[in-house]
Amino acid sequence: MTNIIIGLDIGTSFVRAVVGVINEDDSVEILSVAKKPSSGFLRHGAIVNIESTKNVIKQVIDEVEQNFGYEVNSCVTGIGGKYIESLNSHGFVAISSIGKRDRAITEDDINRVLDASNAVPIPPDRDILHLIPKDYIVNGVSGYKQETALNSLAVRLEVDVHIITASKTQISNITQCVERAGYELDKVFLKTLAAVDAVMMKEERDLGSILIDLGGGTTDVIVIVGDAPACTASIPIGGILVTNDIAFLKGVPTETAERLKLENGCCWSELLEDNDKEVVIPAFGGRPAELTTRSELCTIIQSRMEEIFNRVRDEIVQRSELKQLAGSIILTGGGAQMLGVVELTQYVFRTSSVRIGSPGSLGGVEESYRNPEFATAVGLVLADKSNVRATVSEKQSRKRKEKTRASNVEEDAPVVKKESVLAKFKKFFF
């Protein structure tokens, strides 16, 4: 089925897959979701064990295939973490006049100015992942989008773009894992950019908003201003480090610490109704069970989470020089499910405009994707929608042309002997 998309989110703690179908009216319907643990196979978002990661990818896609009843051959996936870099660039071209009159900007001019903006030195170990126009300037006047710049009379066209690059090695590792699992990799997107499609409203993108993806190994960030990226960043700290803090300070295995975090974790102490509520630390080895309090766990968790958000804020200021935004801060990823995360973010960023980013309803009987941890996987489906529709339209157009050709051949059959050989070839190929 050419209108089926598998969004594959390969994360440090989990690999998640979402199956979406693109309907005739261009709407998306989610058919199936699945996730499998990937701990130990990735470190800070980087694949360190290709064989094990391949096996998890195979398992999670097998599960979604069984759930919706079709076999798939390809998927789209995301990349993030320290292997992503971004920069802003500028390009300009002259619009040659027609006689004494200014000429209207064409699609070819748009392509030329984008090519000019791309003329920046990129290290040989990196590939351009996205080149995103932020602002078109026509005859020195800014504020144009592509659709408004087209057909405008001009002698000069400029563009400001945001370029996102990724490590060739990491892209190669992702490709190997997917292909060894038996699937084709259709496209690789920036994870946070995909998540924006799933959870950020148009008004928030225009006003200026921040998406913070709280993952297991990294915390990835993207700032959207004027419906285009202003900066991207990645902090090499995530939920796993919070778990490690609990394990170290309480002297328990990481598996126990993770369970304590998920079942009793909170990162904003003011939300705890009973600070002295006792929490049992299970016995292990020759060590007996012990007691702690939820307040003690909150102190450990809040300290590390506050550090993460402070570093995110500092990175945004340093990379974008932005001091204030009018939109929202949107939290996605598994860490966005922790109690108190909204309140802590409000405190660090000094704003009340903070919310959890869960994908909206996209139809279908499956509803578990409406969760911040599936924002990237759902976003990958939505981000690839235009590519799929273009492919389907191309195939439909080709079928219509073939049908027209066949009809023409039938209509002209009685006089075929009167035609030249060249005419018959034209009818066959065109």
Protein backbone atom coordinates (compact mmCIF):
# COMPACT_ATOMS: atom_id res chain seq x y z
CA MET A 1 0.00 0.00 0.00
CA THR A 2 1.68 3.20 -1.20
CA ASN A 3 -0.28 5.44 1.18
CA ILE A 4 1.03 3.74 4.33
CA ILE A 5 3.82 5.35 6.39
CA ILE A 6 5.80 3.79 9.24
CA GLY A 7 7.25 6.43 11.58
CA LEU A 8 10.19 4.86 13.43
CA ASP A 9 11.62 6.67 16.47
CA ILE A 10 14.92 5.07 17.52
CA GLY A 11 15.51 6.37 21.05
CA THR A 12 18.05 5.71 23.78
CA SER A 13 15.49 3.97 26.02
CA PHE A 14 12.85 2.77 23.56
CA VAL A 15 12.26 2.18 19.86
CA ARG A 16 8.76 3.29 18.92
CA ALA A 17 6.82 2.76 15.69
CA VAL A 18 3.59 4.33 14.46
CA VAL A 19 1.66 3.26 11.36
CA GLY A 20 -0.31 5.95 9.56
CA VAL A 21 -2.47 5.85 6.44
CA ILE A 22 -2.91 8.87 4.17
CA ASN A 23 -6.54 9.06 3.09
CA GLU A 24 -7.87 10.48 -0.18
CA ASP A 25 -8.83 13.74 1.55
CA ASP A 26 -5.18 14.10 2.70
CA SER A 27 -6.05 13.35 6.33
CA VAL A 28 -3.91 10.98 8.41
CA GLU A 29 -5.29 8.03 10.34
CA ILE A 30 -3.16 6.18 12.89
CA LEU A 31 -3.62 2.43 12.59
CA SER A 32 -1.14 0.92 15.03
CA VAL A 33 1.61 1.73 17.52
CA ALA A 34 4.27 -0.29 19.32
CA LYS A 35 7.39 0.20 21.42
CA LYS A 36 10.27 -1.97 22.64
CA PRO A 37 13.10 -1.25 25.11
CA SER A 38 16.45 -0.34 23.54
CA SER A 39 18.52 0.29 26.67
CA GLY A 40 22.17 -0.60 26.19
CA PHE A 41 22.04 -0.45 22.37
CA LEU A 42 22.21 3.35 22.16
CA ARG A 43 24.17 5.89 24.15
CA HIS A 44 23.08 9.55 24.20
CA GLY A 45 20.98 8.87 21.12
CA ALA A 46 23.86 7.24 19.20
CA ILE A 47 23.72 3.65 18.00
CA VAL A 48 26.54 1.66 19.61
CA ASN A 49 25.31 -1.86 18.81
CA ILE A 50 23.99 -2.20 15.26
CA GLU A 51 23.01 -5.87 15.53
CA SER A 52 20.97 -5.45 18.72
CA THR A 53 19.34 -2.26 17.45
CA LYS A 54 18.45 -4.06 14.21
CA ASN A 55 16.72 -6.80 16.20
CA VAL A 56 14.65 -4.29 18.20
CA ILE A 57 13.61 -2.47 15.02
CA LYS A 58 12.52 -5.77 13.51
CA GLN A 59 10.51 -6.66 16.62
CA VAL A 60 8.71 -3.34 16.89
CA ILE A 61 7.79 -3.19 13.18
CA ASP A 62 6.68 -6.83 13.27
CA GLU A 63 4.33 -5.92 16.11
CA VAL A 64 2.72 -2.99 14.29
CA GLU A 65 2.38 -5.13 11.16
CA GLN A 66 0.51 -7.79 13.12
CA ASN A 67 -1.71 -5.15 14.70
CA PHE A 68 -2.92 -3.59 11.45
CA GLY A 69 -2.71 -6.65 9.23
CA TYR A 70 -0.42 -5.51 6.40
CA GLU A 71 3.21 -6.12 5.59
CA VAL A 72 5.35 -3.02 5.10
CA ASN A 73 8.60 -2.60 3.18
CA SER A 74 9.90 0.77 4.25
CA CYS A 75 9.85 3.42 6.98
CA VAL A 76 10.91 6.95 7.84
CA THR A 77 12.98 7.67 10.92
CA GLY A 78 14.48 10.53 12.89
CA ILE A 79 17.89 11.61 14.09
CA GLY A 80 18.88 13.85 16.99
CA GLY A 81 21.39 14.24 19.78
CA LYS A 82 24.93 15.55 19.47
CA TYR A 83 25.14 14.46 15.83
CA ILE A 84 22.98 17.40 14.77
CA GLU A 85 24.34 20.87 14.03
CA SER A 86 22.63 23.90 12.55
CA LEU A 87 23.51 27.30 11.12
CA ASN A 88 21.79 30.25 9.52
CA SER A 89 22.70 31.36 6.01
CA HIS A 90 21.76 34.01 3.46
CA GLY A 91 21.56 33.93 -0.32
CA PHE A 92 20.66 36.37 -3.06
CA VAL A 93 20.22 36.43 -6.84
CA ALA A 94 19.51 39.06 -9.44
CA ILE A 95 16.23 38.92 -11.34
CA SER A 96 17.02 39.81 -14.93
CA SER A 97 14.58 42.32 -16.36
CA ILE A 98 12.62 42.01 -19.59
CA GLY A 99 13.54 45.07 -21.59
CA LYS A 100 12.83 48.06 -19.35
CA ARG A 101 10.32 46.22 -17.20
CA ASP A 102 10.89 44.30 -13.96
CA ARG A 103 10.28 40.58 -14.23
CA ALA A 104 8.09 38.43 -11.99
CA ILE A 105 9.82 35.94 -9.69
CA THR A 106 9.50 32.36 -10.92
CA GLU A 107 9.99 28.90 -9.42
CA ASP A 108 13.40 28.82 -11.09
CA ASP A 109 14.39 32.02 -9.26
CA ILE A 110 13.29 30.48 -5.95
CA ASN A 111 15.47 27.44 -6.65
CA ARG A 112 18.42 29.63 -7.62
CA VAL A 113 18.30 31.71 -4.46
CA LEU A 114 18.01 28.57 -2.30
CA ASP A 115 21.05 27.15 -4.08
CA ALA A 116 22.90 30.39 -3.40
CA SER A 117 22.03 30.22 0.31
CA ASN A 118 23.43 26.69 0.38
CA ALA A 119 26.87 27.85 -0.74
CA VAL A 120 28.42 27.52 2.71
CA PRO A 121 31.30 25.24 3.73
CA ILE A 122 29.95 21.97 5.17
CA PRO A 123 32.47 19.58 6.78
CA PRO A 124 33.03 16.44 4.67
CA ASP A 125 31.79 14.20 7.48
CA ARG A 126 28.35 15.84 7.49
CA ASP A 127 25.28 15.83 5.24
CA ILE A 128 22.64 18.53 4.91
CA LEU A 129 19.48 17.13 6.44
CA HIS A 130 17.17 20.14 5.98
CA LEU A 131 17.42 23.54 4.31
CA ILE A 132 14.47 25.57 5.57
CA PRO A 133 13.62 29.07 4.25
CA LYS A 134 12.87 31.51 7.07
CA ASP A 135 12.30 34.76 5.19
CA TYR A 136 12.30 35.92 1.57
CA ILE A 137 13.42 39.49 0.84
CA VAL A 138 12.11 41.06 -2.38
CA ASN A 139 13.81 44.28 -3.50
CA GLY A 140 15.05 44.83 0.04
CA VAL A 141 11.66 44.28 1.67
CA SER A 142 11.50 41.32 4.09
CA GLY A 143 8.52 39.36 5.36
CA TYR A 144 7.74 37.34 2.24
CA LYS A 145 6.96 33.62 2.21
CA GLN A 146 7.60 31.52 -0.88
CA GLU A 147 3.98 31.71 -2.06
CA THR A 148 3.91 35.52 -1.72
CA ALA A 149 7.37 36.01 -3.26
CA LEU A 150 6.37 34.05 -6.36
CA ASN A 151 5.11 36.26 -9.20
CA SER A 152 6.21 39.44 -7.39
CA LEU A 153 7.98 41.96 -9.64
CA ALA A 154 11.60 42.30 -8.59
CA VAL A 155 15.19 42.98 -9.57
CA ARG A 156 16.71 41.23 -6.53
CA LEU A 157 15.62 38.23 -4.47
CA GLU A 158 17.17 37.23 -1.14
CA VAL A 159 16.45 34.50 1.37
CA ASP A 160 17.39 33.70 4.97
CA VAL A 161 17.56 29.97 5.62
CA HIS A 162 18.21 27.60 8.50
CA ILE A 163 20.47 24.69 7.56
CA ILE A 164 20.46 21.51 9.64
CA THR A 165 23.29 19.01 9.16
CA ALA A 166 23.81 15.52 10.51
CA SER A 167 26.74 13.16 10.95
CA LYS A 168 27.22 10.92 7.91
CA THR A 169 28.40 8.12 10.20
CA GLN A 170 25.27 8.24 12.32
CA ILE A 171 23.00 8.36 9.25
CA SER A 172 24.90 5.35 7.90
CA ASN A 173 24.43 3.47 11.19
CA ILE A 174 20.69 4.18 11.16
CA THR A 175 20.44 3.08 7.53
CA GLN A 176 22.33 -0.15 8.24
CA CYS A 177 20.08 -1.00 11.18
CA VAL A 178 16.89 -0.45 9.17
CA GLU A 179 18.14 -2.31 6.08
CA ARG A 180 19.50 -5.25 8.10
CA ALA A 181 16.08 -5.49 9.72
CA GLY A 182 14.70 -6.03 6.20
CA TYR A 183 13.23 -2.61 5.41
CA GLU A 184 14.05 0.32 3.15
CA LEU A 185 14.74 3.71 4.72
CA ASP A 186 12.70 6.29 2.81
CA LYS A 187 13.89 9.42 4.61
CA VAL A 188 15.63 10.72 7.74
CA PHE A 189 14.18 13.77 9.53
CA LEU A 190 15.36 15.82 12.46
CA LYS A 191 13.41 14.38 15.40
CA THR A 192 12.39 17.65 17.00
CA LEU A 193 11.32 19.11 13.65
CA ALA A 194 9.07 16.08 13.13
CA ALA A 195 7.62 16.44 16.63
CA VAL A 196 6.74 20.07 15.86
CA ASP A 197 4.39 18.81 13.14
CA ALA A 198 2.63 16.59 15.66
CA VAL A 199 2.18 18.90 18.65
CA MET A 200 2.78 22.59 17.84
CA MET A 201 -0.09 24.78 16.66
CA LYS A 202 0.29 27.24 13.78
CA GLU A 203 -0.20 30.22 16.10
CA GLU A 204 2.56 28.96 18.40
CA ARG A 205 4.95 28.51 15.46
CA ASP A 206 4.26 32.07 14.28
CA LEU A 207 4.61 33.72 17.70
CA GLY A 208 7.81 31.89 18.66
CA SER A 209 7.82 28.68 20.68
CA ILE A 210 10.25 26.12 22.09
CA LEU A 211 9.88 22.36 21.83
CA ILE A 212 11.86 20.38 24.42
CA ASP A 213 12.09 16.63 23.84
CA LEU A 214 12.94 14.98 27.17
CA GLY A 215 14.53 11.69 26.10
CA GLY A 216 16.38 9.01 27.97
CA GLY A 217 19.90 9.85 26.82
CA THR A 218 19.55 13.42 25.54
CA THR A 219 17.33 16.46 25.78
CA ASP A 220 16.79 17.86 22.28
CA VAL A 221 15.49 21.37 21.64
CA ILE A 222 14.18 23.36 18.69
CA VAL A 223 13.05 26.99 18.66
CA ILE A 224 10.43 27.93 16.06
CA VAL A 225 9.90 31.61 15.21
CA GLY A 226 7.80 32.87 12.32
CA ASP A 227 6.92 29.27 11.40
CA ALA A 228 10.60 28.39 10.80
CA PRO A 229 13.44 27.06 12.97
CA ALA A 230 15.58 29.71 14.67
CA CYS A 231 17.97 27.29 16.38
CA THR A 232 18.39 23.67 17.43
CA ALA A 233 20.36 22.25 20.35
CA SER A 234 20.98 19.01 22.22
CA ILE A 235 21.91 18.53 25.87
CA PRO A 236 23.70 15.20 26.60
CA ILE A 237 21.59 14.64 29.72
CA GLY A 238 18.27 12.82 29.92
CA GLY A 239 16.09 10.62 32.04
CA ILE A 240 18.75 7.92 32.34
CA LEU A 241 20.97 10.28 34.34
CA VAL A 242 18.08 10.97 36.72
CA THR A 243 17.77 7.21 37.20
CA ASN A 244 21.53 6.93 37.79
CA ASP A 245 21.36 9.66 40.45
CA ILE A 246 18.72 7.70 42.36
CA ALA A 247 20.71 4.48 41.97
CA PHE A 248 23.91 6.09 43.28
CA LEU A 249 22.44 8.07 46.17
CA LYS A 250 20.16 5.28 47.33
CA GLY A 251 22.61 2.46 46.59
CA VAL A 252 20.21 0.43 44.45
CA PRO A 253 20.44 -1.21 41.01
CA THR A 254 19.45 0.95 38.05
CA GLU A 255 16.42 -1.26 37.37
CA THR A 256 15.14 -0.55 40.89
CA ALA A 257 15.95 3.15 40.57
CA GLU A 258 14.03 3.35 37.29
CA ARG A 259 11.01 1.73 38.89
CA LEU A 260 11.18 4.12 41.87
CA LYS A 261 11.33 7.07 39.46
CA LEU A 262 8.38 5.92 37.35
CA GLU A 263 6.14 4.91 40.26
CA ASN A 264 6.94 7.62 42.81
CA GLY A 265 8.87 10.29 40.91
CA CYS A 266 8.07 13.99 41.06
CA CYS A 267 10.22 16.96 40.08
CA TRP A 268 8.30 19.74 41.83
CA SER A 269 8.11 19.31 45.60
CA GLU A 270 5.16 21.67 46.06
CA LEU A 271 2.91 19.12 44.36
CA LEU A 272 3.55 16.46 47.00
CA GLU A 273 0.59 16.36 49.34
CA ASP A 274 2.41 14.14 51.83
CA ASN A 275 6.16 14.82 51.79
CA ASP A 276 6.82 12.07 54.34
CA LYS A 277 4.99 9.30 52.48
CA GLU A 278 7.15 6.22 52.78
CA VAL A 279 8.41 4.38 49.72
CA VAL A 280 9.74 0.84 49.96
CA ILE A 281 13.09 0.09 48.34
CA PRO A 282 12.91 -3.63 47.53
CA ALA A 283 15.50 -6.08 48.86
CA PHE A 284 18.18 -7.29 46.47
CA GLY A 285 21.13 -9.64 46.87
CA GLY A 286 21.80 -9.99 50.58
CA ARG A 287 20.49 -6.50 51.33
CA PRO A 288 17.15 -6.19 53.14
CA ALA A 289 14.32 -3.93 52.03
CA GLU A 290 14.62 -0.30 53.10
CA LEU A 291 12.39 2.74 53.40
CA THR A 292 12.77 6.18 51.91
CA THR A 293 10.29 9.00 51.43
CA ARG A 294 8.78 10.46 48.33
CA SER A 295 10.19 13.82 49.38
CA GLU A 296 13.74 12.45 49.33
CA LEU A 297 13.23 11.04 45.84
CA CYS A 298 11.78 14.38 44.70
CA THR A 299 14.85 16.23 45.98
CA ILE A 300 17.12 14.01 43.87
CA ILE A 301 14.96 14.19 40.76
CA GLN A 302 14.19 17.92 40.93
CA SER A 303 17.85 18.84 41.27
CA ARG A 304 18.83 17.03 38.08
CA MET A 305 15.75 18.10 36.10
CA GLU A 306 16.32 21.72 37.08
CA GLU A 307 19.89 21.42 35.80
CA ILE A 308 18.58 20.08 32.47
CA PHE A 309 16.15 22.98 32.00
CA ASN A 310 18.75 25.58 33.02
CA ARG A 311 21.16 24.20 30.43
CA VAL A 312 18.42 24.21 27.80
CA ARG A 313 17.65 27.86 28.55
CA ASP A 314 21.34 28.83 28.41
CA GLU A 315 21.83 27.00 25.09
CA ILE A 316 18.85 28.76 23.52
CA VAL A 317 20.08 32.21 24.61
CA GLN A 318 23.60 31.46 23.41
CA ARG A 319 22.64 30.01 20.04
CA SER A 320 19.75 32.30 19.10
CA GLU A 321 20.28 35.45 21.17
CA LEU A 322 16.55 35.36 21.84
CA LYS A 323 15.50 36.95 25.11
CA GLN A 324 11.75 36.53 24.98
CA LEU A 325 9.18 34.60 22.95
CA ALA A 326 5.43 35.11 22.78
CA GLY A 327 4.43 31.49 22.16
CA SER A 328 4.66 28.36 24.31
CA ILE A 329 7.15 25.91 25.70
CA ILE A 330 6.03 22.42 24.67
CA LEU A 331 7.37 19.31 26.39
CA THR A 332 7.54 15.94 24.62
CA GLY A 333 9.30 12.62 25.13
CA GLY A 334 9.08 10.09 27.95
CA GLY A 335 10.34 12.63 30.51
CA ALA A 336 7.36 14.88 29.83
CA GLN A 337 5.16 12.39 31.69
CA MET A 338 6.80 13.03 35.06
CA LEU A 339 4.71 14.73 37.73
CA GLY A 340 5.71 18.36 38.21
CA VAL A 341 7.60 18.79 34.94
CA VAL A 342 5.32 21.62 33.76
CA GLU A 343 5.64 23.51 37.04
CA LEU A 344 9.43 23.15 37.09
CA THR A 345 9.68 24.40 33.49
CA GLN A 346 7.49 27.39 34.37
CA TYR A 347 9.81 28.20 37.27
CA VAL A 348 13.06 27.96 35.25
CA PHE A 349 11.80 29.86 32.20
CA ARG A 350 9.68 32.32 34.21
CA THR A 351 6.55 31.79 32.14
CA SER A 352 3.17 30.18 32.60
CA SER A 353 2.94 29.23 28.90
CA VAL A 354 4.12 25.64 29.29
CA ARG A 355 2.22 22.55 28.23
CA ILE A 356 2.65 18.86 27.52
CA GLY A 357 2.87 18.10 23.79
CA SER A 358 0.61 15.16 23.02
CA PRO A 359 -0.45 14.47 19.40
CA GLY A 360 -4.06 15.33 18.68
CA SER A 361 -6.72 12.87 17.61
CA LEU A 362 -5.98 11.46 14.15
CA GLY A 363 -8.80 8.93 13.98
CA GLY A 364 -8.60 5.17 14.02
CA VAL A 365 -9.32 2.83 16.92
CA GLU A 366 -5.81 3.20 18.33
CA GLU A 367 -5.47 5.98 20.91
CA SER A 368 -2.26 5.18 22.81
CA TYR A 369 -0.26 7.40 20.42
CA ARG A 370 -1.87 10.45 22.10
CA ASN A 371 1.01 10.59 24.52
CA PRO A 372 4.11 12.88 24.58
CA GLU A 373 6.44 9.90 24.16
CA PHE A 374 4.94 9.21 20.69
CA ALA A 375 5.21 12.83 19.49
CA THR A 376 8.28 12.14 17.34
CA ALA A 377 6.96 8.91 15.79
CA VAL A 378 3.61 10.52 14.92
CA GLY A 379 5.44 13.60 13.66
CA LEU A 380 7.52 11.45 11.31
CA VAL A 381 4.32 10.15 9.72
CA LEU A 382 2.96 13.68 9.30
CA ALA A 383 6.28 15.03 8.03
CA ASP A 384 6.45 12.38 5.31
CA LYS A 385 2.82 12.84 4.25
CA SER A 386 3.59 15.26 1.41
CA ASN A 387 6.18 12.88 -0.05
CA VAL A 388 3.71 10.00 0.01
CA ARG A 389 0.91 12.04 -1.56
CA ALA A 390 3.30 13.18 -4.30
CA THR A 391 4.29 9.57 -4.97
CA VAL A 392 0.67 8.42 -5.06
CA SER A 393 -0.31 11.32 -7.34
CA GLU A 394 2.58 10.52 -9.66
CA LYS A 395 1.52 6.88 -9.89
CA GLN A 396 -2.11 7.83 -10.46
CA SER A 397 -1.08 10.30 -13.16
CA ARG A 398 1.05 7.64 -14.82
CA LYS A 399 -1.87 5.20 -14.78
CA ARG A 400 -4.17 7.83 -16.32
CA LYS A 401 -1.63 8.49 -19.07
CA GLU A 402 -1.25 4.78 -19.73
CA LYS A 403 -5.02 4.40 -19.91
CA THR A 404 -5.22 7.35 -22.34
CA ARG A 405 -2.49 5.85 -24.49
CA ALA A 406 -4.30 2.52 -24.62
CA SER A 407 -7.54 4.27 -25.56
CA ASN A 408 -5.78 6.22 -28.30
CA VAL A 409 -4.27 3.06 -29.72
CA GLU A 410 -7.69 1.41 -29.85
CA GLU A 411 -9.31 4.40 -31.53
CA ASP A 412 -6.58 4.66 -34.15
CA ALA A 413 -6.36 0.93 -34.84
CA PRO A 414 -8.31 1.01 -38.16
CA VAL A 415 -5.88 3.52 -39.70
CA VAL A 416 -2.67 2.23 -38.19
CA LYS A 417 -1.32 1.13 -41.58
CA LYS A 418 -1.53 4.70 -42.87
CA GLU A 419 0.73 6.05 -40.12
CA SER A 420 4.46 6.30 -40.30
CA VAL A 421 6.68 4.28 -37.98
CA LEU A 422 7.61 7.50 -36.11
CA ALA A 423 3.94 8.34 -35.51
CA LYS A 424 3.33 4.92 -33.97
CA PHE A 425 6.31 5.37 -31.66
CA LYS A 426 5.01 8.79 -30.59
CA LYS A 427 1.64 7.30 -29.72
CA PHE A 428 3.30 4.50 -27.76
CA PHE A 429 5.59 6.68 -25.70
CA PHE A 430 3.54 9.83 -25.39
